[in-house]
N, C-alpha and C. Protein backbone atom coordinates (compact mmCIF):
# COMPACT_ATOMS: atom_id res chain seq x y z
N UNK A 1 0.77 -1.31 -0.02
CA UNK A 1 -0.06 -0.05 -0.02
C UNK A 1 0.84 1.25 -0.06
N UNK A 2 0.66 2.12 -0.95
CA UNK A 2 1.38 3.41 -0.97
C UNK A 2 0.67 4.50 -0.12
N UNK A 3 1.59 5.05 0.65
CA UNK A 3 0.97 6.11 1.56
C UNK A 3 1.53 7.50 0.99
N UNK A 4 0.66 8.38 0.61
CA UNK A 4 0.90 9.64 0.26
C UNK A 4 0.18 10.81 0.94
N UNK A 5 0.77 11.70 1.59
CA UNK A 5 0.08 12.73 2.19
C UNK A 5 -1.07 12.28 3.04
N UNK A 6 -0.89 11.36 3.77
CA UNK A 6 -1.85 10.78 4.65
C UNK A 6 -2.97 10.02 4.17
N UNK A 7 -2.81 9.73 2.86
CA UNK A 7 -4.02 8.91 2.15
C UNK A 7 -3.32 7.54 1.72
N UNK A 8 -4.10 6.44 2.02
CA UNK A 8 -3.46 5.15 1.65
C UNK A 8 -3.93 4.88 0.45
N UNK A 9 -3.10 4.58 -0.65
CA UNK A 9 -3.64 4.11 -2.04
C UNK A 9 -3.38 2.70 -2.31
N UNK A 10 -4.40 1.83 -2.43
CA UNK A 10 -4.08 0.37 -2.68
C UNK A 10 -3.24 0.01 -3.70
N UNK A 11 -2.47 -0.93 -3.53
CA UNK A 11 -1.51 -1.32 -4.55
C UNK A 11 -2.18 -1.94 -5.73
N UNK A 12 -3.34 -2.58 -5.63
CA UNK A 12 -4.03 -3.30 -6.70
C UNK A 12 -4.72 -2.32 -7.53
N UNK A 13 -4.98 -0.97 -7.21
CA UNK A 13 -5.75 -0.12 -8.07
C UNK A 13 -4.81 0.47 -9.17
N UNK A 14 -5.57 0.77 -10.14
CA UNK A 14 -4.75 1.53 -11.31
C UNK A 14 -4.54 2.89 -10.74
N UNK A 15 -3.41 3.51 -11.05
CA UNK A 15 -2.91 4.71 -10.33
C UNK A 15 -3.89 6.00 -10.71
N UNK A 16 -4.33 5.98 -11.83
CA UNK A 16 -5.26 7.02 -12.27
C UNK A 16 -6.53 6.92 -11.42
N UNK A 17 -7.09 5.84 -10.96
CA UNK A 17 -8.33 5.75 -10.20
C UNK A 17 -7.90 5.79 -8.82
N UNK A 18 -6.79 5.41 -8.36
CA UNK A 18 -6.45 5.56 -7.01
C UNK A 18 -6.37 6.87 -6.64
N UNK A 19 -5.79 7.74 -7.51
CA UNK A 19 -5.58 9.09 -7.14
C UNK A 19 -7.06 9.87 -6.71
N UNK A 20 -8.05 9.38 -7.25
CA UNK A 20 -9.36 9.88 -6.85
C UNK A 20 -9.70 9.67 -5.33
N UNK A 21 -9.07 8.96 -4.56
CA UNK A 21 -9.14 8.76 -3.18
C UNK A 21 -8.72 10.02 -2.46
N UNK A 22 -8.00 10.84 -3.11
CA UNK A 22 -7.73 12.31 -2.57
C UNK A 22 -9.06 13.23 -2.63
N UNK A 23 -9.37 13.83 -1.67
CA UNK A 23 -10.48 14.70 -1.63
C UNK A 23 -10.19 15.95 -2.43
N UNK A 24 -10.91 16.18 -3.60
CA UNK A 24 -10.72 17.16 -4.40
C UNK A 24 -10.23 16.72 -5.85
N UNK A 25 -9.83 15.51 -6.04
CA UNK A 25 -9.28 15.00 -7.19
C UNK A 25 -10.29 14.00 -7.75
N UNK A 26 -10.87 14.43 -8.93
CA UNK A 26 -11.78 13.57 -9.67
C UNK A 26 -11.06 12.78 -10.76
N UNK A 27 -11.83 12.23 -11.62
CA UNK A 27 -11.20 11.38 -12.65
C UNK A 27 -10.48 12.01 -13.68
N UNK A 28 -11.03 13.29 -14.03
CA UNK A 28 -10.37 14.09 -15.00
C UNK A 28 -9.01 14.75 -14.62
N UNK A 29 -9.05 15.29 -13.46
CA UNK A 29 -7.85 15.69 -12.77
C UNK A 29 -6.80 14.67 -12.58
N UNK A 30 -7.25 13.38 -12.07
CA UNK A 30 -6.28 12.40 -11.91
C UNK A 30 -5.60 11.99 -13.27
N UNK A 31 -6.28 11.82 -14.26
CA UNK A 31 -5.94 11.82 -15.66
C UNK A 31 -4.71 12.80 -16.17
N UNK A 32 -5.17 13.99 -15.85
CA UNK A 32 -4.10 15.11 -16.02
C UNK A 32 -2.93 15.00 -15.32
N UNK A 33 -3.04 14.54 -13.96
CA UNK A 33 -1.87 14.37 -13.23
C UNK A 33 -0.98 13.23 -13.70
N UNK A 34 -1.65 12.14 -14.06
CA UNK A 34 -0.84 10.95 -14.56
C UNK A 34 -0.10 11.35 -15.82
N UNK A 35 -0.73 12.12 -16.83
CA UNK A 35 -0.06 12.62 -17.96
C UNK A 35 1.09 13.48 -17.63
N UNK A 36 0.78 14.37 -16.68
CA UNK A 36 1.97 15.44 -16.37
C UNK A 36 3.26 14.59 -15.71
N UNK A 37 2.88 13.65 -14.92
CA UNK A 37 3.93 13.00 -14.22
C UNK A 37 4.47 11.62 -15.06
N UNK A 38 3.87 11.44 -16.26
CA UNK A 38 4.22 10.49 -17.18
C UNK A 38 4.10 9.04 -16.54
N UNK A 39 2.80 8.87 -16.06
CA UNK A 39 2.44 7.72 -15.52
C UNK A 39 1.39 7.09 -16.57
N UNK A 40 1.59 5.80 -16.95
CA UNK A 40 0.79 5.17 -18.04
C UNK A 40 -0.63 4.94 -17.36
N UNK A 41 -1.58 4.95 -18.39
CA UNK A 41 -3.03 4.91 -17.93
C UNK A 41 -3.19 3.46 -17.23
N UNK A 42 -2.59 2.47 -17.72
CA UNK A 42 -2.92 1.22 -17.15
C UNK A 42 -2.03 0.80 -15.95
N UNK A 43 -1.07 1.61 -15.47
CA UNK A 43 -0.13 1.35 -14.54
C UNK A 43 -0.70 1.29 -13.11
N UNK A 44 -0.56 0.13 -12.37
CA UNK A 44 -1.03 -0.03 -11.01
C UNK A 44 -0.14 0.61 -9.97
N UNK A 45 -0.64 0.95 -8.84
CA UNK A 45 0.04 1.59 -7.80
C UNK A 45 1.44 0.90 -7.47
N UNK A 46 1.31 -0.53 -7.46
CA UNK A 46 2.51 -1.28 -6.97
C UNK A 46 3.52 -1.23 -8.25
N UNK A 47 3.27 -0.88 -9.18
CA UNK A 47 4.11 -0.79 -10.37
C UNK A 47 4.91 0.61 -10.63
N UNK A 48 4.41 1.51 -9.75
CA UNK A 48 5.12 2.82 -9.94
C UNK A 48 6.52 2.81 -9.18
N UNK A 49 7.39 3.36 -9.97
CA UNK A 49 8.79 3.56 -9.51
C UNK A 49 8.84 4.56 -8.34
N UNK A 50 9.85 4.45 -7.53
CA UNK A 50 10.12 5.32 -6.46
C UNK A 50 10.18 6.76 -6.88
N UNK A 51 10.72 6.91 -8.02
CA UNK A 51 10.74 8.46 -8.51
C UNK A 51 9.38 8.93 -8.87
N UNK A 52 8.53 8.05 -9.42
CA UNK A 52 7.19 8.50 -9.62
C UNK A 52 6.34 8.82 -8.30
N UNK A 53 6.56 7.99 -7.28
CA UNK A 53 5.92 8.25 -6.11
C UNK A 53 6.28 9.50 -5.46
N UNK A 54 7.62 9.65 -5.60
CA UNK A 54 8.24 10.92 -5.05
C UNK A 54 7.67 12.22 -5.69
N UNK A 55 7.77 12.05 -7.08
CA UNK A 55 7.34 13.13 -7.90
C UNK A 55 5.69 13.45 -7.70
N UNK A 56 4.92 12.44 -7.58
CA UNK A 56 3.50 12.48 -7.21
C UNK A 56 3.40 13.25 -5.81
N UNK A 57 4.11 12.82 -4.89
CA UNK A 57 4.00 13.37 -3.45
C UNK A 57 4.42 14.85 -3.43
N UNK A 58 5.53 15.04 -4.12
CA UNK A 58 6.04 16.41 -4.22
C UNK A 58 5.00 17.40 -4.85
N UNK A 59 4.50 16.92 -5.96
CA UNK A 59 3.52 17.76 -6.80
C UNK A 59 2.31 17.99 -5.89
N UNK A 60 1.55 17.04 -5.13
CA UNK A 60 0.51 17.12 -4.52
C UNK A 60 0.72 18.04 -3.27
N UNK A 61 1.92 17.97 -2.82
CA UNK A 61 2.16 18.76 -1.59
C UNK A 61 2.19 20.09 -1.83
N UNK A 62 2.62 20.72 -2.98
CA UNK A 62 2.57 22.15 -3.35
C UNK A 62 2.54 22.22 -4.89
N UNK A 63 1.33 22.19 -5.54
CA UNK A 63 1.29 22.22 -6.95
C UNK A 63 1.55 23.60 -7.44
N UNK A 64 1.35 24.75 -6.65
CA UNK A 64 1.65 26.01 -7.14
C UNK A 64 3.04 26.36 -7.41
N UNK A 65 3.91 25.54 -6.65
CA UNK A 65 5.43 25.99 -6.83
C UNK A 65 6.09 24.97 -7.87
N UNK A 66 5.43 23.96 -8.19
CA UNK A 66 5.91 22.97 -9.27
C UNK A 66 6.17 23.64 -10.52
N UNK A 67 7.19 22.96 -11.22
CA UNK A 67 7.79 23.52 -12.39
C UNK A 67 6.65 23.22 -13.67
N UNK A 68 6.33 24.16 -14.42
CA UNK A 68 5.51 23.82 -15.51
C UNK A 68 6.13 23.12 -16.71
N UNK A 69 5.57 21.88 -17.09
CA UNK A 69 6.34 21.15 -17.96
C UNK A 69 6.33 21.94 -19.41
N UNK A 70 7.44 21.57 -20.06
CA UNK A 70 7.75 22.18 -21.31
C UNK A 70 6.61 21.77 -22.31
N UNK A 71 6.27 22.66 -23.17
CA UNK A 71 5.32 22.25 -24.32
C UNK A 71 6.22 22.28 -25.59
N UNK A 72 6.09 21.17 -26.16
CA UNK A 72 6.77 21.04 -27.52
C UNK A 72 5.70 21.16 -28.58
N UNK A 73 5.98 21.65 -29.71
CA UNK A 73 5.06 22.02 -30.86
C UNK A 73 4.75 20.66 -31.47
N UNK A 74 3.46 20.36 -31.80
CA UNK A 74 3.01 19.33 -32.45
C UNK A 74 3.22 19.34 -33.82
N UNK A 75 3.52 18.31 -34.69
CA UNK A 75 3.87 18.18 -36.08
C UNK A 75 2.33 18.42 -36.75
N UNK A 76 2.52 19.16 -37.85
CA UNK A 76 1.15 19.48 -38.66
C UNK A 76 1.07 18.32 -39.59
N UNK A 77 0.00 18.43 -40.43
CA UNK A 77 -0.32 17.25 -41.37
C UNK A 77 0.65 17.08 -42.55
N UNK A 78 1.33 18.14 -42.88
CA UNK A 78 2.24 18.14 -43.99
C UNK A 78 3.67 17.93 -43.54
N UNK A 79 3.94 17.38 -42.42
CA UNK A 79 5.17 17.22 -41.68
C UNK A 79 6.00 16.04 -42.45
N UNK A 80 7.23 16.26 -42.84
CA UNK A 80 7.94 15.28 -43.49
C UNK A 80 9.24 15.08 -42.46
N UNK A 81 9.57 13.88 -41.87
CA UNK A 81 10.63 13.89 -41.15
C UNK A 81 11.97 14.00 -41.77
N UNK A 82 12.93 14.58 -41.09
CA UNK A 82 14.20 14.83 -41.60
C UNK A 82 14.95 13.40 -41.91
N UNK A 83 15.82 13.49 -42.87
CA UNK A 83 16.60 12.27 -43.12
C UNK A 83 17.47 11.86 -42.01
N UNK A 84 17.74 10.72 -41.79
CA UNK A 84 18.51 10.16 -40.54
C UNK A 84 20.07 10.51 -40.79
N UNK A 85 20.42 11.07 -41.90
CA UNK A 85 21.97 11.29 -41.96
C UNK A 85 22.40 12.66 -41.27
N UNK A 86 21.53 13.39 -40.67
CA UNK A 86 21.93 14.64 -40.01
C UNK A 86 22.31 14.09 -38.51
N UNK A 87 23.25 15.10 -38.03
CA UNK A 87 23.69 14.82 -36.63
C UNK A 87 22.58 15.40 -35.61
N UNK A 88 22.69 15.09 -34.34
CA UNK A 88 21.76 15.53 -33.39
C UNK A 88 22.05 16.95 -33.20
N UNK A 89 23.35 17.35 -33.33
CA UNK A 89 23.49 18.93 -33.04
C UNK A 89 22.86 19.76 -34.13
N UNK A 90 22.80 19.20 -35.45
CA UNK A 90 22.36 19.98 -36.59
C UNK A 90 20.79 19.93 -36.20
N UNK A 91 19.98 18.98 -35.98
CA UNK A 91 18.86 18.96 -35.71
C UNK A 91 18.41 19.71 -34.71
N UNK A 92 19.14 19.87 -33.53
CA UNK A 92 18.77 20.70 -32.33
C UNK A 92 19.12 22.30 -32.72
N UNK A 93 19.90 22.46 -33.61
CA UNK A 93 20.08 23.87 -34.12
C UNK A 93 18.99 24.26 -35.10
N UNK A 94 18.54 23.40 -35.89
CA UNK A 94 17.52 23.66 -36.60
C UNK A 94 16.30 23.92 -35.95
N UNK A 95 15.91 22.93 -34.90
CA UNK A 95 14.88 23.20 -34.13
C UNK A 95 14.79 24.60 -33.32
N UNK A 96 15.90 24.88 -32.85
CA UNK A 96 15.95 26.23 -32.12
C UNK A 96 15.85 27.29 -33.11
N UNK A 97 16.18 27.28 -34.38
CA UNK A 97 15.97 28.31 -35.27
C UNK A 97 14.65 28.47 -35.73
N UNK A 98 13.89 27.27 -35.79
CA UNK A 98 12.47 27.17 -36.22
C UNK A 98 11.65 27.77 -35.19
N UNK A 99 12.07 27.42 -33.95
CA UNK A 99 11.28 27.78 -32.63
C UNK A 99 11.46 29.44 -32.50
N UNK A 100 12.64 29.96 -32.94
CA UNK A 100 12.75 31.36 -32.74
C UNK A 100 11.97 32.16 -33.73
N UNK A 101 11.90 31.73 -34.98
CA UNK A 101 11.13 32.22 -36.03
C UNK A 101 9.66 32.19 -35.86
N UNK A 102 9.19 30.98 -35.20
CA UNK A 102 7.96 30.93 -34.67
C UNK A 102 7.44 32.01 -33.76
N UNK A 103 8.44 32.16 -32.66
CA UNK A 103 8.17 33.12 -31.56
C UNK A 103 8.07 34.48 -32.21
N UNK A 104 8.83 34.90 -33.15
CA UNK A 104 8.93 36.12 -33.79
C UNK A 104 7.67 36.37 -34.51
N UNK A 105 7.17 35.49 -35.39
CA UNK A 105 5.95 35.74 -35.98
C UNK A 105 4.66 35.83 -35.09
N UNK A 106 4.86 35.19 -34.02
CA UNK A 106 3.83 35.08 -33.02
C UNK A 106 3.68 36.62 -32.48
N UNK A 107 4.95 37.06 -32.17
CA UNK A 107 5.00 38.34 -31.47
C UNK A 107 4.49 39.57 -32.61
N UNK A 108 4.88 39.39 -33.81
CA UNK A 108 4.39 40.20 -34.93
C UNK A 108 2.88 40.19 -35.03
N UNK A 109 2.27 39.02 -35.12
CA UNK A 109 0.88 38.85 -35.13
C UNK A 109 0.19 39.55 -33.94
N UNK A 110 0.68 39.25 -32.71
CA UNK A 110 0.18 39.93 -31.43
C UNK A 110 0.30 41.40 -31.66
N UNK A 111 1.31 41.96 -32.12
CA UNK A 111 1.30 43.63 -32.26
C UNK A 111 0.39 44.02 -33.37
N UNK A 112 0.24 43.09 -34.41
CA UNK A 112 -0.52 43.62 -35.49
C UNK A 112 -2.09 43.60 -35.03
N UNK A 113 -2.58 42.73 -34.29
CA UNK A 113 -3.86 42.76 -33.72
C UNK A 113 -3.97 43.32 -32.34
N UNK A 114 -2.87 43.76 -31.86
CA UNK A 114 -2.82 44.40 -30.44
C UNK A 114 -3.33 43.47 -29.45
N UNK A 115 -3.08 42.24 -29.41
CA UNK A 115 -3.43 41.36 -28.38
C UNK A 115 -2.13 40.86 -27.62
N UNK A 116 -2.04 41.08 -26.41
CA UNK A 116 -0.88 40.57 -25.61
C UNK A 116 -0.79 38.89 -25.74
N UNK A 117 0.41 38.55 -25.75
CA UNK A 117 0.67 36.99 -25.80
C UNK A 117 0.27 36.44 -24.39
N UNK A 118 -0.43 35.41 -24.53
CA UNK A 118 -0.84 34.71 -23.30
C UNK A 118 -0.01 33.49 -23.15
N UNK A 119 0.28 33.23 -21.80
CA UNK A 119 0.95 32.01 -21.57
C UNK A 119 -0.03 30.85 -21.56
N UNK A 120 0.26 29.60 -21.86
CA UNK A 120 -0.75 28.62 -21.88
C UNK A 120 -1.13 28.44 -20.40
N UNK A 121 -2.33 28.09 -20.05
CA UNK A 121 -2.74 27.94 -18.66
C UNK A 121 -2.47 26.58 -18.25
N UNK A 122 -1.99 26.49 -16.91
CA UNK A 122 -1.59 25.28 -16.34
C UNK A 122 -2.69 24.95 -15.25
N UNK A 123 -3.75 24.38 -15.56
CA UNK A 123 -4.80 24.21 -14.59
C UNK A 123 -4.62 23.41 -13.38
N UNK A 124 -3.52 22.62 -13.26
CA UNK A 124 -3.07 21.91 -12.07
C UNK A 124 -2.28 22.74 -11.05
N UNK A 125 -1.94 24.06 -11.58
CA UNK A 125 -1.14 24.96 -10.65
C UNK A 125 -2.29 25.36 -9.36
N UNK A 126 -3.52 25.40 -9.72
CA UNK A 126 -4.46 26.02 -8.65
C UNK A 126 -5.13 24.82 -8.10
N UNK A 127 -4.62 23.57 -8.02
CA UNK A 127 -5.18 22.37 -7.38
C UNK A 127 -5.09 22.63 -5.94
N UNK A 128 -6.05 22.47 -5.18
CA UNK A 128 -6.29 22.33 -3.85
C UNK A 128 -6.97 20.95 -3.51
N UNK A 129 -6.38 20.29 -2.58
CA UNK A 129 -6.87 18.96 -1.99
C UNK A 129 -6.85 18.86 -0.67
N UNK A 130 -7.52 17.93 -0.18
CA UNK A 130 -7.69 17.58 1.28
C UNK A 130 -8.03 18.66 2.09
N UNK A 131 -7.24 19.02 3.13
CA UNK A 131 -7.56 19.82 4.12
C UNK A 131 -7.62 21.44 3.76
N UNK A 132 -6.81 21.60 2.75
CA UNK A 132 -6.75 23.04 2.17
C UNK A 132 -8.03 23.25 1.43
N UNK A 133 -8.67 22.30 0.70
CA UNK A 133 -9.91 22.39 -0.01
C UNK A 133 -11.10 22.52 1.09
N UNK A 134 -11.03 21.62 2.06
CA UNK A 134 -12.17 21.76 3.01
C UNK A 134 -12.12 23.04 3.78
N UNK A 135 -10.89 23.66 3.98
CA UNK A 135 -10.83 24.87 4.68
C UNK A 135 -11.35 26.00 3.74
N UNK A 136 -11.11 25.92 2.60
CA UNK A 136 -11.64 26.85 1.58
C UNK A 136 -13.06 26.91 1.59
N UNK A 137 -13.68 25.73 1.48
CA UNK A 137 -15.08 25.49 1.49
C UNK A 137 -15.81 26.07 2.63
N UNK A 138 -15.22 25.65 3.94
CA UNK A 138 -15.69 26.17 5.09
C UNK A 138 -15.58 27.77 5.15
N UNK A 139 -14.60 28.39 4.64
CA UNK A 139 -14.38 29.81 4.57
C UNK A 139 -15.43 30.35 3.77
N UNK A 140 -15.73 29.70 2.61
CA UNK A 140 -16.88 30.26 1.68
C UNK A 140 -18.11 30.38 2.33
N UNK A 141 -18.34 29.13 3.06
CA UNK A 141 -19.82 29.06 3.55
C UNK A 141 -19.94 30.13 4.70
N UNK A 142 -18.65 30.26 5.55
CA UNK A 142 -18.90 31.31 6.57
C UNK A 142 -18.95 32.80 5.97
N UNK A 143 -18.30 32.87 4.77
CA UNK A 143 -18.43 34.21 4.25
C UNK A 143 -19.95 34.58 3.86
N UNK A 144 -20.66 33.47 3.21
CA UNK A 144 -22.01 33.56 2.88
C UNK A 144 -22.84 33.87 3.98
N UNK A 145 -22.46 33.24 5.26
CA UNK A 145 -23.28 33.45 6.42
C UNK A 145 -23.13 34.94 6.93
N UNK A 146 -21.88 35.45 6.91
CA UNK A 146 -21.54 36.55 7.51
C UNK A 146 -22.26 37.86 6.68
N UNK A 147 -22.20 37.81 5.28
CA UNK A 147 -22.89 38.96 4.65
C UNK A 147 -24.26 38.73 4.51
N UNK A 148 -24.99 37.62 5.12
CA UNK A 148 -26.34 37.61 5.09
C UNK A 148 -27.14 37.29 3.79
N UNK A 149 -26.39 36.47 2.89
CA UNK A 149 -26.98 36.18 1.68
C UNK A 149 -28.06 35.18 1.86
N UNK A 150 -28.88 34.92 0.88
CA UNK A 150 -29.85 33.92 0.99
C UNK A 150 -29.14 32.56 1.10
N UNK A 151 -27.99 32.14 0.41
CA UNK A 151 -27.32 31.03 0.43
C UNK A 151 -26.85 30.78 1.87
N UNK A 152 -26.34 31.86 2.50
CA UNK A 152 -25.80 31.82 4.01
C UNK A 152 -26.94 31.53 5.00
N UNK A 153 -28.17 32.05 4.78
CA UNK A 153 -29.18 31.84 5.66
C UNK A 153 -29.62 30.46 5.66
N UNK A 154 -29.73 29.82 4.22
CA UNK A 154 -30.12 28.64 4.13
C UNK A 154 -28.99 27.51 4.83
N UNK A 155 -27.77 27.83 4.59
CA UNK A 155 -26.85 27.08 5.38
C UNK A 155 -27.03 27.16 6.93
N UNK A 156 -27.23 28.37 7.29
CA UNK A 156 -27.43 28.50 8.92
C UNK A 156 -28.64 27.76 9.40
N UNK A 157 -29.74 27.62 8.58
CA UNK A 157 -30.87 26.96 8.94
C UNK A 157 -30.95 25.48 8.68
N UNK A 158 -29.80 24.95 8.18
CA UNK A 158 -29.45 23.65 7.65
C UNK A 158 -30.36 22.98 6.79
N UNK A 159 -30.71 23.98 5.61
CA UNK A 159 -31.78 23.51 4.67
C UNK A 159 -31.04 23.49 3.27
N UNK A 160 -31.71 22.95 2.35
CA UNK A 160 -31.05 22.80 0.95
C UNK A 160 -30.78 24.32 0.55
N UNK A 161 -29.66 24.45 -0.27
CA UNK A 161 -29.22 25.83 -0.62
C UNK A 161 -29.67 26.00 -2.05
N UNK A 162 -29.77 25.17 -2.97
CA UNK A 162 -29.93 25.29 -4.27
C UNK A 162 -31.45 25.18 -4.99
N UNK A 163 -32.33 25.35 -3.85
CA UNK A 163 -33.67 25.35 -4.61
C UNK A 163 -34.25 23.97 -4.52
N UNK A 164 -33.73 22.92 -3.87
CA UNK A 164 -34.52 21.78 -3.82
C UNK A 164 -35.66 21.73 -2.93
N UNK A 165 -36.50 20.67 -3.10
CA UNK A 165 -37.83 20.62 -2.43
C UNK A 165 -37.49 20.33 -0.96
N UNK A 166 -38.15 20.98 -0.01
CA UNK A 166 -38.02 20.79 1.38
C UNK A 166 -39.22 20.02 2.02
N UNK A 167 -40.14 19.80 1.27
CA UNK A 167 -41.48 19.16 1.86
C UNK A 167 -41.21 17.88 2.39
N UNK A 168 -40.49 16.97 1.61
CA UNK A 168 -40.40 15.65 2.07
C UNK A 168 -38.98 15.06 2.10
N UNK A 169 -38.11 15.80 1.52
CA UNK A 169 -36.65 15.18 1.32
C UNK A 169 -35.56 16.18 1.56
N UNK A 170 -35.51 16.69 2.76
CA UNK A 170 -34.35 17.61 3.03
C UNK A 170 -33.49 16.98 4.13
N UNK A 171 -33.59 15.72 4.40
CA UNK A 171 -32.84 15.15 5.49
C UNK A 171 -31.27 15.22 5.31
N UNK A 172 -30.85 14.97 3.98
CA UNK A 172 -29.53 15.04 3.70
C UNK A 172 -28.86 16.46 3.82
N UNK A 173 -29.65 17.49 3.58
CA UNK A 173 -29.18 18.87 3.69
C UNK A 173 -29.21 19.20 5.12
N UNK A 174 -30.20 18.71 5.96
CA UNK A 174 -30.24 19.05 7.34
C UNK A 174 -28.75 18.34 8.14
N UNK A 175 -28.34 17.34 7.54
CA UNK A 175 -27.23 16.81 8.09
C UNK A 175 -25.87 17.55 7.52
N UNK A 176 -25.92 17.92 6.30
CA UNK A 176 -24.65 18.56 5.74
C UNK A 176 -24.62 19.90 5.88
N UNK A 177 -25.64 20.59 5.73
CA UNK A 177 -25.46 22.15 5.55
C UNK A 177 -25.25 22.79 7.01
N UNK A 178 -24.22 22.38 7.58
CA UNK A 178 -23.88 22.88 8.88
C UNK A 178 -22.45 23.57 8.80
N UNK A 179 -22.15 24.35 9.68
CA UNK A 179 -20.68 25.10 9.54
C UNK A 179 -19.81 24.14 9.85
N UNK A 180 -20.03 23.20 10.91
CA UNK A 180 -18.90 22.32 11.23
C UNK A 180 -19.12 21.07 10.49
N UNK A 181 -18.88 21.15 9.21
CA UNK A 181 -19.22 20.14 8.34
C UNK A 181 -18.07 19.07 8.62
N UNK A 182 -16.71 19.50 8.52
CA UNK A 182 -15.72 18.65 8.78
C UNK A 182 -14.98 18.73 10.02
């Protein structure tokens, strides 16, 4: 059994699905995490290397300070591979020059249309899991109660918040819509 950040992940589970045991990580986020850390879709937790387990633990402990992975350009439909008689240094030099020209063209287009260049969004940078996510939810509920909004009042009365029927089936809301949820 792999133990990461206080959560036991069973050895027999596929890594992508075992990551959903963390509060705040669903299937889609788990899939993105596996892709970012280069973990195969069918890899089980017992088959992860120590490096992958360490990388996973370090990323989940502080995703905002992790290094953004480099983005490589994808080949377009008319791509023809280079002949194998070129050396690695020549190929790297050509790649660097092509990348520089692409960046220049991108900057020219941005100036032409007066749009600033955007960095690609890294959605995993804002990932919050476990106690941090629970604290954020608790603070949001407390804020709603403090400002006296309808949602805050419904939370305070332990009633459904999103317009559900209260005539017969609000038992779950009475249990959950309390400030001391966790």
